[in-house]
Amino acid sequence: MPLELKATFNAAAERYHERRPSYPDALFEKLIADAQLSESSQLLEIGPGTGQATKPLAERGFAVTAIELGNELADKAREVLANFLNVHVITNAYEDVKLPKSYFDLVYSATAFHWIRPEVKFVKTHDLLKPDGYLALIHTEHVSDESEDAFFFASKPIYEKYTAHDHPVNKDDDFRLPHIKDLHPPEGVDKSLFSLESFTVFPLIISYTSEEYIGLLATYSPHLALPAAKQKAFLASIKSLIDTDFGGYMEKHYGMTLTMAKRK
């Protein structure tokens, strides 16, 4: 996905906070245990958005430094996290921010690490971590409902009509939603700097009304990047499909994944 799309989220900060799904508590408990965190641990978060993965760790008493590129997202995160004196949100690009080397026990990123420039993300993270520190990568995977994926196939013509020309990935006629069992750790982890320690999937199902679902879709970068008229028509078509063919509701299946890698 083009790196220039990473700036699109900033324009939808309020909607992003309201609509993006939260991560399961079990994911954070696994992260804490695997990274062997203690009350004195220093955490660095890359791309907190509005704090979906920041707050659960702040509530557990951890000190978090969060680096957010978008000023509107960062401001919303500060508002959400205002009661946590152990959280510091910095507005900057991860590639550019100056931070102490060998200082952090954990660097983590929730559905944001892929936006960091490839030549920077592993090298800089390695430099910032203490010896034997951990990198935790959290991803939101859109997965099969393990049945007929009726909504996916019903909505596919709408995606092809409104987004194929802007985003060639949507031209793939053979694309299918992956099954939970087929999910795997992200490719490209620099094995000269990190050793892969664990990979865990946390299934999650959320039911949305048509209005809630198009609100969620309006926070995704490919849709945010559409021209305004095309975006409006796309969202209206999805809403009409849910209202007409799915009784006004749809279930979205996710696989929230946690990849733990240890600094070499």
C-alpha atoms as a PDB file:
ATOM      1  CA  MET A   1       0.000   0.000   0.000  1.00  0.00           C
ATOM      2  CA  PRO A   2       1.448   3.407  -0.955  1.00  0.00           C
ATOM      3  CA  LEU A   3       3.089   5.119   2.006  1.00  0.00           C
ATOM      4  CA  GLU A   4       1.488   8.457   1.089  1.00  0.00           C
ATOM      5  CA  LEU A   5      -1.880   7.049   2.181  1.00  0.00           C
ATOM      6  CA  LYS A   6      -0.730   7.016   5.801  1.00  0.00           C
ATOM      7  CA  ALA A   7      -1.629  10.698   6.148  1.00  0.00           C
ATOM      8  CA  THR A   8      -5.281  10.142   5.198  1.00  0.00           C
ATOM      9  CA  PHE A   9      -6.316   8.972   8.686  1.00  0.00           C
ATOM     10  CA  ASN A  10      -5.643  12.374  10.211  1.00  0.00           C
ATOM     11  CA  ALA A  11      -8.685  13.927   8.527  1.00  0.00           C
ATOM     12  CA  ALA A  12     -10.976  11.376  10.172  1.00  0.00           C
ATOM     13  CA  ALA A  13      -9.615  11.378  13.728  1.00  0.00           C
ATOM     14  CA  GLU A  14     -12.961  11.582  15.539  1.00  0.00           C
ATOM     15  CA  ARG A  15     -14.577   8.934  13.353  1.00  0.00           C
ATOM     16  CA  TYR A  16     -11.438   6.772  13.647  1.00  0.00           C
ATOM     17  CA  HIS A  17     -11.727   6.855  17.427  1.00  0.00           C
ATOM     18  CA  GLU A  18     -15.433   6.020  17.411  1.00  0.00           C
ATOM     19  CA  ARG A  19     -15.407   3.233  14.831  1.00  0.00           C
ATOM     20  CA  ARG A  20     -12.106   1.341  14.865  1.00  0.00           C
ATOM     21  CA  PRO A  21     -12.411  -1.973  16.748  1.00  0.00           C
ATOM     22  CA  SER A  22     -10.647  -2.395  20.082  1.00  0.00           C
ATOM     23  CA  TYR A  23      -8.122  -5.142  20.675  1.00  0.00           C
ATOM     24  CA  PRO A  24      -8.961  -8.045  23.033  1.00  0.00           C
ATOM     25  CA  ASP A  25      -7.687  -7.935  26.617  1.00  0.00           C
ATOM     26  CA  ALA A  26      -6.168 -11.387  26.119  1.00  0.00           C
ATOM     27  CA  LEU A  27      -3.873  -9.941  23.466  1.00  0.00           C
ATOM     28  CA  PHE A  28      -2.392  -7.443  25.920  1.00  0.00           C
ATOM     29  CA  GLU A  29      -1.996 -10.073  28.622  1.00  0.00           C
ATOM     30  CA  LYS A  30      -0.072 -12.239  26.151  1.00  0.00           C
ATOM     31  CA  LEU A  31       2.068  -9.265  25.096  1.00  0.00           C
ATOM     32  CA  ILE A  32       2.929  -8.389  28.700  1.00  0.00           C
ATOM     33  CA  ALA A  33       3.827 -11.961  29.569  1.00  0.00           C
ATOM     34  CA  ASP A  34       5.898 -12.614  26.445  1.00  0.00           C
ATOM     35  CA  ALA A  35       7.819  -9.343  26.748  1.00  0.00           C
ATOM     36  CA  GLN A  36       8.378  -9.980  30.468  1.00  0.00           C
ATOM     37  CA  LEU A  37       7.281  -6.458  31.316  1.00  0.00           C
ATOM     38  CA  SER A  38       7.503  -5.075  34.844  1.00  0.00           C
ATOM     39  CA  GLU A  39       6.184  -1.926  36.497  1.00  0.00           C
ATOM     40  CA  SER A  40       9.444  -0.136  35.625  1.00  0.00           C
ATOM     41  CA  SER A  41       9.349  -1.054  31.916  1.00  0.00           C
ATOM     42  CA  GLN A  42       9.508   1.690  29.318  1.00  0.00           C
ATOM     43  CA  LEU A  43       7.225   1.229  26.293  1.00  0.00           C
ATOM     44  CA  LEU A  44       7.349   2.950  22.916  1.00  0.00           C
ATOM     45  CA  GLU A  45       4.329   2.861  20.620  1.00  0.00           C
ATOM     46  CA  ILE A  46       4.541   3.582  16.911  1.00  0.00           C
ATOM     47  CA  GLY A  47       1.366   5.060  15.423  1.00  0.00           C
ATOM     48  CA  PRO A  48      -1.102   5.052  18.329  1.00  0.00           C
ATOM     49  CA  GLY A  49      -3.865   6.681  16.298  1.00  0.00           C
ATOM     50  CA  THR A  50      -6.331   7.784  18.956  1.00  0.00           C
ATOM     51  CA  GLY A  51      -5.065   5.386  21.619  1.00  0.00           C
ATOM     52  CA  GLN A  52      -6.814   2.064  20.950  1.00  0.00           C
ATOM     53  CA  ALA A  53      -3.709   0.090  21.966  1.00  0.00           C
ATOM     54  CA  THR A  54      -2.274   2.747  24.265  1.00  0.00           C
ATOM     55  CA  LYS A  55      -5.019   2.933  26.846  1.00  0.00           C
ATOM     56  CA  PRO A  56      -5.086  -0.788  27.779  1.00  0.00           C
ATOM     57  CA  LEU A  57      -1.386  -0.681  28.640  1.00  0.00           C
ATOM     58  CA  ALA A  58      -1.623   2.705  30.373  1.00  0.00           C
ATOM     59  CA  GLU A  59      -4.461   1.304  32.501  1.00  0.00           C
ATOM     60  CA  ARG A  60      -2.121  -1.465  33.586  1.00  0.00           C
ATOM     61  CA  GLY A  61       0.349   1.135  34.844  1.00  0.00           C
ATOM     62  CA  PHE A  62       2.972   1.075  32.109  1.00  0.00           C
ATOM     63  CA  ALA A  63       4.850   4.171  30.967  1.00  0.00           C
ATOM     64  CA  VAL A  64       4.205   4.698  27.243  1.00  0.00           C
ATOM     65  CA  THR A  65       5.823   7.111  24.808  1.00  0.00           C
ATOM     66  CA  ALA A  66       3.613   7.215  21.703  1.00  0.00           C
ATOM     67  CA  ILE A  67       4.729   8.639  18.355  1.00  0.00           C
ATOM     68  CA  GLU A  68       1.864   9.781  16.096  1.00  0.00           C
ATOM     69  CA  LEU A  69       2.320  11.424  12.694  1.00  0.00           C
ATOM     70  CA  GLY A  70      -1.136  13.005  12.441  1.00  0.00           C
ATOM     71  CA  ASN A  71      -1.690  16.106  14.547  1.00  0.00           C
ATOM     72  CA  GLU A  72      -5.475  15.579  14.766  1.00  0.00           C
ATOM     73  CA  LEU A  73      -5.020  11.943  15.774  1.00  0.00           C
ATOM     74  CA  ALA A  74      -2.379  12.920  18.332  1.00  0.00           C
ATOM     75  CA  ASP A  75      -4.641  15.586  19.822  1.00  0.00           C
ATOM     76  CA  LYS A  76      -7.481  13.076  20.139  1.00  0.00           C
ATOM     77  CA  ALA A  77      -5.125  10.571  21.759  1.00  0.00           C
ATOM     78  CA  ARG A  78      -4.025  13.193  24.305  1.00  0.00           C
ATOM     79  CA  GLU A  79      -7.682  13.867  25.096  1.00  0.00           C
ATOM     80  CA  VAL A  80      -8.465  10.159  25.517  1.00  0.00           C
ATOM     81  CA  LEU A  81      -5.348   9.558  27.619  1.00  0.00           C
ATOM     82  CA  ALA A  82      -5.428  12.777  29.634  1.00  0.00           C
ATOM     83  CA  ASN A  83      -5.844  10.971  32.957  1.00  0.00           C
ATOM     84  CA  PHE A  84      -2.707   8.879  32.482  1.00  0.00           C
ATOM     85  CA  LEU A  85       0.382  10.749  33.611  1.00  0.00           C
ATOM     86  CA  ASN A  86       2.487   7.796  32.468  1.00  0.00           C
ATOM     87  CA  VAL A  87       1.673   8.442  28.784  1.00  0.00           C
ATOM     88  CA  HIS A  88       3.442  10.961  26.561  1.00  0.00           C
ATOM     89  CA  VAL A  89       2.175  11.509  23.003  1.00  0.00           C
ATOM     90  CA  ILE A  90       4.640  13.056  20.539  1.00  0.00           C
ATOM     91  CA  THR A  91       3.473  14.434  17.185  1.00  0.00           C
ATOM     92  CA  ASN A  92       6.119  13.458  14.665  1.00  0.00           C
ATOM     93  CA  ALA A  93       7.101  10.841  12.120  1.00  0.00           C
ATOM     94  CA  TYR A  94       8.771   7.804  13.656  1.00  0.00           C
ATOM     95  CA  GLU A  95      11.506   8.112  11.067  1.00  0.00           C
ATOM     96  CA  ASP A  96      12.361  11.640  12.263  1.00  0.00           C
ATOM     97  CA  VAL A  97      11.777  11.671  16.022  1.00  0.00           C
ATOM     98  CA  LYS A  98      14.843  11.734  18.282  1.00  0.00           C
ATOM     99  CA  LEU A  99      14.715   9.162  21.077  1.00  0.00           C
ATOM    100  CA  PRO A 100      17.303   7.670  23.456  1.00  0.00           C
ATOM    101  CA  LYS A 101      19.035   4.546  22.215  1.00  0.00           C
ATOM    102  CA  SER A 102      18.881   1.265  24.142  1.00  0.00           C
ATOM    103  CA  TYR A 103      16.195   2.758  26.383  1.00  0.00           C
ATOM    104  CA  PHE A 104      12.949   0.894  25.749  1.00  0.00           C
ATOM    105  CA  ASP A 105      11.951  -2.551  26.986  1.00  0.00           C
ATOM    106  CA  LEU A 106       9.239  -2.852  24.356  1.00  0.00           C
ATOM    107  CA  VAL A 107       8.496  -1.179  21.033  1.00  0.00           C
ATOM    108  CA  TYR A 108       5.024  -2.004  19.762  1.00  0.00           C
ATOM    109  CA  SER A 109       2.773  -0.987  16.924  1.00  0.00           C
ATOM    110  CA  ALA A 110      -0.904  -1.771  16.333  1.00  0.00           C
ATOM    111  CA  THR A 111      -1.903  -1.885  12.668  1.00  0.00           C
ATOM    112  CA  ALA A 112       0.614   0.852  11.851  1.00  0.00           C
ATOM    113  CA  PHE A 113       4.109  -0.616  11.462  1.00  0.00           C
ATOM    114  CA  HIS A 114       3.635  -1.226   7.731  1.00  0.00           C
ATOM    115  CA  TRP A 115       3.521   2.559   7.195  1.00  0.00           C
ATOM    116  CA  ILE A 116       7.120   3.050   8.374  1.00  0.00           C
ATOM    117  CA  ARG A 117       9.759   3.240   5.657  1.00  0.00           C
ATOM    118  CA  PRO A 118      11.323  -0.219   5.208  1.00  0.00           C
ATOM    119  CA  GLU A 119      14.898   0.994   5.481  1.00  0.00           C
ATOM    120  CA  VAL A 120      14.152   2.576   8.871  1.00  0.00           C
ATOM    121  CA  LYS A 121      11.644   0.495  10.800  1.00  0.00           C
ATOM    122  CA  PHE A 122      13.729  -2.467  11.948  1.00  0.00           C
ATOM    123  CA  VAL A 123      17.087  -0.720  12.198  1.00  0.00           C
ATOM    124  CA  LYS A 124      15.789   2.189  14.262  1.00  0.00           C
ATOM    125  CA  THR A 125      13.640  -0.047  16.459  1.00  0.00           C
ATOM    126  CA  HIS A 126      16.650  -2.263  17.151  1.00  0.00           C
ATOM    127  CA  ASP A 127      18.692   0.797  18.169  1.00  0.00           C
ATOM    128  CA  LEU A 128      15.985   2.050  20.553  1.00  0.00           C
ATOM    129  CA  LEU A 129      15.459  -1.241  22.349  1.00  0.00           C
ATOM    130  CA  LYS A 130      17.464  -2.437  25.314  1.00  0.00           C
ATOM    131  CA  PRO A 131      19.443  -5.655  24.806  1.00  0.00           C
ATOM    132  CA  ASP A 132      16.902  -8.499  24.851  1.00  0.00           C
ATOM    133  CA  GLY A 133      14.048  -6.008  24.414  1.00  0.00           C
ATOM    134  CA  TYR A 134      10.994  -6.917  22.343  1.00  0.00           C
ATOM    135  CA  LEU A 135       9.178  -5.724  19.259  1.00  0.00           C
ATOM    136  CA  ALA A 136       5.423  -6.473  19.277  1.00  0.00           C
ATOM    137  CA  LEU A 137       3.432  -6.156  16.060  1.00  0.00           C
ATOM    138  CA  ILE A 138      -0.348  -6.145  16.304  1.00  0.00           C
ATOM    139  CA  HIS A 139      -2.393  -6.487  13.137  1.00  0.00           C
ATOM    140  CA  THR A 140      -6.094  -6.395  12.319  1.00  0.00           C
ATOM    141  CA  GLU A 141      -6.808  -9.103   9.754  1.00  0.00           C
ATOM    142  CA  HIS A 142     -10.119  -9.314   7.894  1.00  0.00           C
ATOM    143  CA  VAL A 143     -10.996 -12.996   7.819  1.00  0.00           C
ATOM    144  CA  SER A 144     -13.579 -15.443   6.536  1.00  0.00           C
ATOM    145  CA  ASP A 145     -16.744 -16.068   8.535  1.00  0.00           C
ATOM    146  CA  GLU A 146     -15.964 -19.778   8.023  1.00  0.00           C
ATOM    147  CA  SER A 147     -19.294 -20.120   6.204  1.00  0.00           C
ATOM    148  CA  GLU A 148     -20.258 -18.696   2.809  1.00  0.00           C
ATOM    149  CA  ASP A 149     -18.815 -15.168   3.232  1.00  0.00           C
ATOM    150  CA  ALA A 150     -22.093 -13.913   1.771  1.00  0.00           C
ATOM    151  CA  PHE A 151     -21.497 -10.235   2.493  1.00  0.00           C
ATOM    152  CA  PHE A 152     -17.966 -10.322   1.101  1.00  0.00           C
ATOM    153  CA  PHE A 153     -19.129 -11.683  -2.247  1.00  0.00           C
ATOM    154  CA  ALA A 154     -22.240  -9.481  -2.369  1.00  0.00           C
ATOM    155  CA  SER A 155     -20.174  -6.342  -1.780  1.00  0.00           C
ATOM    156  CA  LYS A 156     -17.372  -7.254  -4.166  1.00  0.00           C
ATOM    157  CA  PRO A 157     -19.072  -5.706  -7.260  1.00  0.00           C
ATOM    158  CA  ILE A 158     -19.412  -2.426  -5.350  1.00  0.00           C
ATOM    159  CA  TYR A 159     -15.688  -2.410  -4.571  1.00  0.00           C
ATOM    160  CA  GLU A 160     -14.893  -3.221  -8.187  1.00  0.00           C
ATOM    161  CA  LYS A 161     -17.108  -0.381  -9.414  1.00  0.00           C
ATOM    162  CA  TYR A 162     -15.858   2.347  -7.104  1.00  0.00           C
ATOM    163  CA  THR A 163     -12.333   1.453  -6.013  1.00  0.00           C
ATOM    164  CA  ALA A 164     -10.666  -0.784  -8.627  1.00  0.00           C
ATOM    165  CA  HIS A 165      -9.245   2.056 -10.725  1.00  0.00           C
ATOM    166  CA  ASP A 166      -7.914   3.932  -7.705  1.00  0.00           C
ATOM    167  CA  HIS A 167      -6.535   0.833  -5.952  1.00  0.00           C
ATOM    168  CA  PRO A 168      -5.430  -1.938  -8.326  1.00  0.00           C
ATOM    169  CA  VAL A 169      -5.406  -4.535  -5.524  1.00  0.00           C
ATOM    170  CA  ASN A 170      -9.196  -4.629  -5.796  1.00  0.00           C
ATOM    171  CA  LYS A 171      -8.919  -5.927  -9.379  1.00  0.00           C
ATOM    172  CA  ASP A 172      -7.875  -9.376  -8.155  1.00  0.00           C
ATOM    173  CA  ASP A 173     -10.844 -11.580  -9.114  1.00  0.00           C
ATOM    174  CA  ASP A 174      -9.383 -14.547  -7.251  1.00  0.00           C
ATOM    175  CA  PHE A 175      -9.017 -12.790  -3.900  1.00  0.00           C
ATOM    176  CA  ARG A 176     -10.711 -14.525  -0.990  1.00  0.00           C
ATOM    177  CA  LEU A 177     -10.821 -13.714   2.694  1.00  0.00           C
ATOM    178  CA  PRO A 178      -8.239 -15.789   4.577  1.00  0.00           C
ATOM    179  CA  HIS A 179      -9.258 -18.326   7.192  1.00  0.00           C
ATOM    180  CA  ILE A 180      -8.063 -17.928  10.773  1.00  0.00           C
ATOM    181  CA  LYS A 181      -5.960 -21.087  10.464  1.00  0.00           C
ATOM    182  CA  ASP A 182      -4.145 -19.657   7.440  1.00  0.00           C
ATOM    183  CA  LEU A 183      -2.910 -16.475   9.112  1.00  0.00           C
ATOM    184  CA  HIS A 184       0.839 -16.275   9.581  1.00  0.00           C
ATOM    185  CA  PRO A 185       3.461 -13.862  10.963  1.00  0.00           C
ATOM    186  CA  PRO A 186       4.128 -10.786   8.830  1.00  0.00           C
ATOM    187  CA  GLU A 187       6.761 -11.242   6.161  1.00  0.00           C
ATOM    188  CA  GLY A 188       9.879  -9.138   6.077  1.00  0.00           C
ATOM    189  CA  VAL A 189      10.895  -9.137   9.751  1.00  0.00           C
ATOM    190  CA  ASP A 190      14.643  -8.477   9.696  1.00  0.00           C
ATOM    191  CA  LYS A 191      16.027 -11.756  11.015  1.00  0.00           C
ATOM    192  CA  SER A 192      19.505 -10.309  11.340  1.00  0.00           C
ATOM    193  CA  LEU A 193      18.173  -7.955  14.034  1.00  0.00           C
ATOM    194  CA  PHE A 194      15.221  -9.852  15.556  1.00  0.00           C
ATOM    195  CA  SER A 195      14.280 -13.435  16.324  1.00  0.00           C
ATOM    196  CA  LEU A 196      10.631 -14.397  15.964  1.00  0.00           C
ATOM    197  CA  GLU A 197       9.400 -15.644  19.355  1.00  0.00           C
ATOM    198  CA  SER A 198       5.664 -16.186  18.975  1.00  0.00           C
ATOM    199  CA  PHE A 199       2.625 -15.577  16.787  1.00  0.00           C
ATOM    200  CA  THR A 200      -0.899 -15.669  18.228  1.00  0.00           C
ATOM    201  CA  VAL A 201      -4.322 -15.038  16.679  1.00  0.00           C
ATOM    202  CA  PHE A 202      -7.269 -13.671  18.669  1.00  0.00           C
ATOM    203  CA  PRO A 203     -10.586 -14.142  16.801  1.00  0.00           C
ATOM    204  CA  LEU A 204     -13.124 -11.336  17.143  1.00  0.00           C
ATOM    205  CA  ILE A 205     -16.650 -10.927  15.740  1.00  0.00           C
ATOM    206  CA  ILE A 206     -18.431  -7.553  15.760  1.00  0.00           C
ATOM    207  CA  SER A 207     -22.006  -6.908  14.628  1.00  0.00           C
ATOM    208  CA  TYR A 208     -22.587  -3.578  12.853  1.00  0.00           C
ATOM    209  CA  THR A 209     -25.663  -1.708  11.723  1.00  0.00           C
ATOM    210  CA  SER A 210     -25.399  -0.381   8.182  1.00  0.00           C
ATOM    211  CA  GLU A 211     -24.698   3.108   9.526  1.00  0.00           C
ATOM    212  CA  GLU A 212     -22.012   1.848  11.897  1.00  0.00           C
ATOM    213  CA  TYR A 213     -20.343  -0.178   9.184  1.00  0.00           C
ATOM    214  CA  ILE A 214     -20.050   2.616   6.646  1.00  0.00           C
ATOM    215  CA  GLY A 215     -18.699   4.771   9.477  1.00  0.00           C
ATOM    216  CA  LEU A 216     -15.983   2.148   9.932  1.00  0.00           C
ATOM    217  CA  LEU A 217     -15.276   1.961   6.188  1.00  0.00           C
ATOM    218  CA  ALA A 218     -14.869   5.731   6.144  1.00  0.00           C
ATOM    219  CA  THR A 219     -11.779   5.350   8.372  1.00  0.00           C
ATOM    220  CA  TYR A 220      -9.815   3.123   5.971  1.00  0.00           C
ATOM    221  CA  SER A 221      -7.111   4.786   3.904  1.00  0.00           C
ATOM    222  CA  PRO A 222      -8.188   3.510   0.441  1.00  0.00           C
ATOM    223  CA  HIS A 223     -11.679   4.887   1.023  1.00  0.00           C
ATOM    224  CA  LEU A 224     -10.443   8.141   2.543  1.00  0.00           C
ATOM    225  CA  ALA A 225      -8.299   8.662  -0.544  1.00  0.00           C
ATOM    226  CA  LEU A 226     -11.249   8.420  -2.940  1.00  0.00           C
ATOM    227  CA  PRO A 227     -12.623  11.626  -4.485  1.00  0.00           C
ATOM    228  CA  ALA A 228     -15.457  12.929  -2.299  1.00  0.00           C
ATOM    229  CA  ALA A 229     -18.278  12.120  -4.739  1.00  0.00           C
ATOM    230  CA  LYS A 230     -17.003   8.603  -5.381  1.00  0.00           C
ATOM    231  CA  GLN A 231     -16.511   7.959  -1.660  1.00  0.00           C
ATOM    232  CA  LYS A 232     -20.077   9.102  -0.936  1.00  0.00           C
ATOM    233  CA  ALA A 233     -21.511   6.857  -3.677  1.00  0.00           C
ATOM    234  CA  PHE A 234     -19.422   3.891  -2.529  1.00  0.00           C
ATOM    235  CA  LEU A 235     -20.550   4.188   1.099  1.00  0.00           C
ATOM    236  CA  ALA A 236     -24.179   4.719   0.086  1.00  0.00           C
ATOM    237  CA  SER A 237     -24.068   1.562  -2.032  1.00  0.00           C
ATOM    238  CA  ILE A 238     -22.640  -0.496   0.825  1.00  0.00           C
ATOM    239  CA  LYS A 239     -25.279   0.852   3.214  1.00  0.00           C
ATOM    240  CA  SER A 240     -28.061   0.057   0.748  1.00  0.00           C
ATOM    241  CA  LEU A 241     -26.754  -3.496   0.330  1.00  0.00           C
ATOM    242  CA  ILE A 242     -26.780  -4.109   4.096  1.00  0.00           C
ATOM    243  CA  ASP A 243     -30.223  -2.579   4.527  1.00  0.00           C
ATOM    244  CA  THR A 244     -31.762  -4.367   1.549  1.00  0.00           C
ATOM    245  CA  ASP A 245     -30.133  -7.801   1.559  1.00  0.00           C
ATOM    246  CA  PHE A 246     -28.885  -8.292   5.125  1.00  0.00           C
ATOM    247  CA  GLY A 247     -31.673  -6.883   7.274  1.00  0.00           C
ATOM    248  CA  GLY A 248     -29.767  -3.767   8.266  1.00  0.00           C
ATOM    249  CA  TYR A 249     -26.961  -5.655  10.073  1.00  0.00           C
ATOM    250  CA  MET A 250     -23.769  -7.478   9.176  1.00  0.00           C
ATOM    251  CA  GLU A 251     -21.203  -9.440  11.161  1.00  0.00           C
ATOM    252  CA  LYS A 252     -17.561  -8.648  10.624  1.00  0.00           C
ATOM    253  CA  HIS A 253     -14.994 -11.324  11.438  1.00  0.00           C
ATOM    254  CA  TYR A 254     -11.486 -10.309  12.473  1.00  0.00           C
ATOM    255  CA  GLY A 255      -8.303 -12.077  13.411  1.00  0.00           C
ATOM    256  CA  MET A 256      -6.319  -9.805  15.722  1.00  0.00           C
ATOM    257  CA  THR A 257      -2.752 -11.051  15.546  1.00  0.00           C
ATOM    258  CA  LEU A 258       0.202 -10.561  17.868  1.00  0.00           C
ATOM    259  CA  THR A 259       3.735 -11.157  16.622  1.00  0.00           C
ATOM    260  CA  MET A 260       6.516 -11.047  19.221  1.00  0.00           C
ATOM    261  CA  ALA A 261      10.124 -10.629  18.106  1.00  0.00           C
ATOM    262  CA  LYS A 262      13.164 -10.353  20.366  1.00  0.00           C
ATOM    263  CA  ARG A 263      16.079  -8.014  19.750  1.00  0.00           C
ATOM    264  CA  LYS A 264      19.283  -9.846  18.923  1.00  0.00           C
END
